[in-house]
Amino acid sequence: MVDGPLSSMSIPERRERLRAHNDAWRNLRWSACVHLFDIHPNTFAMDVAQGGILTFISRTEGKIMFVQLPSKLRGIPMRQWEHSFPFLPSVCTLDPSEDVLVVLQREE
């Protein structure tokens, strides 16, 4: 575990969150289940980027959908967004800490 950035939480609150996080992993218990959306088979390629962000690359349209996975224990909200392109994306990589998205075009 790495100590996070400065927080308004007290040390006992942070310690309790850490215990709950460790307990959830030890016993494979999750605090919520979220239905994102329905996709048809073979229409999207899915990957996981840094920071727990799912990427869904459309195989039929020029778009990529992103979903930031939520975490109650870590205080991370769920977010969804998408980017459209004038071409069919082949692969992408994302680095949220540097605010960088790299997309390669599919050659047809």
Protein backbone atom coordinates (compact mmCIF):
# COMPACT_ATOMS: atom_id res chain seq x y z
CA MET A 1 0.00 0.00 0.00
CA VAL A 2 1.17 3.50 -0.79
CA ASP A 3 0.15 6.52 1.25
CA GLY A 4 -2.13 8.66 -0.90
CA PRO A 5 -2.14 12.43 -1.36
CA LEU A 6 -3.12 14.79 1.44
CA SER A 7 -6.71 14.23 2.44
CA SER A 8 -9.35 15.79 4.65
CA MET A 9 -9.93 12.36 6.22
CA SER A 10 -8.48 11.74 9.64
CA ILE A 11 -5.88 9.05 10.17
CA PRO A 12 -8.41 6.73 11.89
CA GLU A 13 -10.80 7.15 8.92
CA ARG A 14 -8.02 6.37 6.45
CA ARG A 15 -6.94 3.36 8.52
CA GLU A 16 -10.54 2.04 8.55
CA ARG A 17 -10.82 2.42 4.77
CA LEU A 18 -7.55 0.53 4.36
CA ARG A 19 -8.82 -2.29 6.60
CA ALA A 20 -12.08 -2.46 4.64
CA HIS A 21 -10.16 -2.49 1.34
CA ASN A 22 -7.88 -5.32 2.49
CA ASP A 23 -10.84 -7.28 3.89
CA ALA A 24 -12.78 -6.90 0.63
CA TRP A 25 -9.86 -8.33 -1.37
CA ARG A 26 -9.09 -11.06 1.15
CA ASN A 27 -12.70 -12.31 1.11
CA LEU A 28 -13.48 -11.30 -2.49
CA ARG A 29 -16.44 -9.13 -1.52
CA TRP A 30 -17.47 -6.09 -3.49
CA SER A 31 -19.54 -3.17 -2.26
CA ALA A 32 -21.57 -2.62 -5.44
CA CYS A 33 -22.43 -4.10 -8.82
CA VAL A 34 -22.99 -1.69 -11.71
CA HIS A 35 -24.62 -2.47 -15.07
CA LEU A 36 -22.79 -0.35 -17.63
CA PHE A 37 -24.56 -0.98 -20.93
CA ASP A 38 -25.40 -3.79 -23.31
CA ILE A 39 -23.17 -4.43 -26.30
CA HIS A 40 -23.63 -6.84 -29.15
CA PRO A 41 -21.01 -9.59 -29.59
CA ASN A 42 -18.03 -8.71 -31.78
CA THR A 43 -18.93 -5.01 -32.06
CA PHE A 44 -16.41 -3.71 -29.51
CA ALA A 45 -12.92 -4.62 -28.37
CA MET A 46 -12.48 -4.09 -24.64
CA ASP A 47 -9.31 -3.32 -22.71
CA VAL A 48 -8.35 -1.91 -19.31
CA ALA A 49 -6.21 1.23 -19.20
CA GLN A 50 -4.24 2.69 -16.30
CA GLY A 51 -6.31 3.92 -13.40
CA GLY A 52 -9.05 1.30 -13.79
CA ILE A 53 -10.51 2.79 -16.96
CA LEU A 54 -12.26 0.39 -19.33
CA THR A 55 -11.94 1.18 -23.03
CA PHE A 56 -14.45 -0.07 -25.59
CA ILE A 57 -13.23 0.40 -29.17
CA SER A 58 -16.03 0.17 -31.72
CA ARG A 59 -15.36 -2.17 -34.64
CA THR A 60 -18.17 -0.61 -36.72
CA GLU A 61 -18.06 3.12 -35.86
CA GLY A 62 -15.28 5.65 -35.35
CA LYS A 63 -15.62 5.89 -31.58
CA ILE A 64 -14.14 4.76 -28.29
CA MET A 65 -16.15 4.64 -25.07
CA PHE A 66 -14.45 4.97 -21.69
CA VAL A 67 -15.69 3.96 -18.24
CA GLN A 68 -13.85 4.85 -15.05
CA LEU A 69 -14.54 2.03 -12.60
CA PRO A 70 -15.98 3.28 -9.32
CA SER A 71 -14.67 2.45 -5.86
CA LYS A 72 -16.51 3.36 -2.68
CA LEU A 73 -13.52 2.39 -0.56
CA ARG A 74 -11.13 4.57 -2.55
CA GLY A 75 -13.61 7.40 -3.12
CA ILE A 76 -13.57 7.11 -6.93
CA PRO A 77 -16.83 7.95 -8.74
CA MET A 78 -18.00 6.17 -11.89
CA ARG A 79 -17.62 8.25 -15.05
CA GLN A 80 -18.47 7.48 -18.67
CA TRP A 81 -17.47 9.39 -21.78
CA GLU A 82 -16.68 8.78 -25.44
CA HIS A 83 -14.60 10.23 -28.25
CA SER A 84 -15.50 10.07 -31.94
CA PHE A 85 -13.03 9.89 -34.82
CA PRO A 86 -13.30 10.26 -38.62
CA PHE A 87 -11.73 6.78 -38.93
CA LEU A 88 -12.09 3.32 -37.36
CA PRO A 89 -9.78 3.08 -34.35
CA SER A 90 -7.67 -0.06 -34.19
CA VAL A 91 -6.08 0.19 -30.73
CA CYS A 92 -5.64 2.86 -28.11
CA THR A 93 -3.69 3.52 -24.97
CA LEU A 94 -4.50 5.99 -22.26
CA ASP A 95 -2.47 7.63 -19.51
CA PRO A 96 -4.82 9.71 -17.33
CA SER A 97 -1.98 11.02 -15.16
CA GLU A 98 -0.44 12.70 -18.24
CA ASP A 99 -3.78 13.48 -19.95
CA VAL A 100 -2.69 11.50 -23.02
CA LEU A 101 -4.73 9.35 -25.41
CA VAL A 102 -3.03 7.62 -28.35
CA VAL A 103 -5.23 6.07 -31.04
CA LEU A 104 -4.05 4.06 -34.05
CA GLN A 105 -6.12 3.99 -37.23
CA ARG A 106 -7.28 0.67 -38.62
CA GLU A 107 -6.11 0.07 -42.20
CA GLU A 108 -8.85 -1.42 -44.36
